Amino acid sequence: MAGISSWLAAGKTGRLKLLTIVALLPLTAFNLASAPAAASPAPTGTVVLAAEQQPRTHRPTLDRLKREAARKGISLEKAVDAYLAKQAKTDPAATANWPDGPVSIPDVAVDDLSAAHIEVLKGMAKAQGVSFSEAIDRHGAWPAAKQTLVRLQRALGGEFAGGERAEDGSNVWLGFKGQIPAQAVETARSLPLRVELQGNLGYTETELNETKNRIHRALLKDPRFSSVASYYDSRSGTVHSLVVPAPAARASVNDESARSAVSSLATNPSITVDVRVTEGPVSSDFADPYIRGGGDLQNCTSNFNVVAISNYDTRRHTTAGHCANGAQTRTYCNYPVDGGNCTSISLTNECWLGCASGEAALYTRGSLTLTRTFYYNAQNKAYVDGEDPVQWVGDAICKWGRFSGSSCGTVKRTNWSNDKSDNLFVTSIPVGNSTCRPGDSGGPAFTGGPATGSFTAYGLLVGEGALAGQSGLYCAFSHVSVYRDAFGYRVWIRE
């Protein structure tokens, strides 16, 4: 994800503008005037809102840049980079809010697309093998749309069965335990994509997660199994578990015997249980046996800096929980672009083995000063302006690990559990030398935000995970909510 780093050679600091953590903003980029009135919900079926009937996202500046790119015979990406570079040089606001010094991404935008979000879109274009223009069409409007859906999810928590976005961004599915609420249909009509609402599923997402946790813990305690990974599928109402048999039980264990041992723990008849026996690994850790997020932590990568919710003056540096195993102190180093200076940091908190919130570890700052910035690759750094509130299937994210570099993909499954922790998520990013590998543990996962210039902190890389019916292993992460739920901290952002 290069291009923005060459825009600015230096910057200046100034007055901070007020930002809030993942503020639930209106969809100002969408034209809602032509949206039809909300229909009555279908009490027993499915409501489908076709894409052509939904409001469209209007981006006049981007449309002009497309025309200019065609006329000049250059790529849209080059035209966008040139426009943002010009904005960065001529708009004083582009560099005014840099409380911790200059970064690689200025606070500029093309219509509703912040410069930070554009970097994510470039990564998604590469990851999905599509053009930059197609990546914008697929993923450009999602940060604002997700904010609206998270607001709906919180309002209808007792009825919400789950939400999933297609990997290509073309549609979103919303499920409900009972009848489809009229509020859900009305909200769905404001979104610039196809929406399918399904009612009378008979379960909520909370019930699915609670059932998954009961089954997962029971399988972990079963001596016949040496390793277990579990998650749920909101659309089908199925709890999936992958189990590796212990050597002494290999001859006697099969899918049905494993499933029958825990099927009674699904007390809601609308929830089904699927247990599959596999020989392969289902999870593993990625510990290869100014402080900024994404920095060098020897055999791990650092995550974002955090601040205590109860005391703004208490701040910590973070990484994956298993990176703290036997490491009461670690050496943090900046990358050579920032001098490569190092400091010794000390462990203050960790949540890993049996941690229901995910996994993470908190360290002191050593002799360096904590910042609200993070490395999104070894050469470039940026500010964090928000933290993601809820992990969703279909979210487009990118990650940085100091051994494999930058890679992007979508969230495949949320609330995934392995042998050590819960509340993880598995992505479409396959494990590999250039995607995620040992030594990347703790590395930051991030996405674009709807605010100008902002990145949104999303998670921290913890290892690899398997999914039922999928070959190979995929990069697995802990969500940033672990900081709040396990320690009472939040990601330190500009505010």
Foldseek 3Di string as FASTA:
>chain_A
DDQLQPLDPFFDEADFDDFDFLDQDALVQWDCPQADDFDDFDFAWKDKDALVNATAGDQVQLVVLVVVCVVVVHASVVSVSVVQSVCCVPPNQQRHHDPPTDFRATQFARRLGFSQQLVLLVQLCVQVVHGSVQSCVQAVSPQNLVSLVVVVCVVPVVFWLAKAADLSNAEIETETQGTDDSVVRRSVRNDNHMYMYTYNLNDHNVLLLVLLVQLQVVLLPDLQFDKKKWFADSVQLEIEMETEGDPVCVVPDAFVVSCVVRQVSSVRPSHGYGYGYDNDDFWDFQQPCCDAAQWAFDQEGWHFKWAFPVDRVDIWTKFWQCVCVVPQKTKTFQAVLVPRDIFIKGWDDWAKAVAAQFTMTTIHPGPRNHDQKHDLWNNTIAGARHADDDAHFNDKKWWAFHQQGIHIFTWHGFQMDISGYTGKTFTPFADDRNTDHRSHGRTWMWHDHSGRRHIYTFWTWTTWGDDPPDPHITTMTHGQCSCCPVPNIHGDGRD
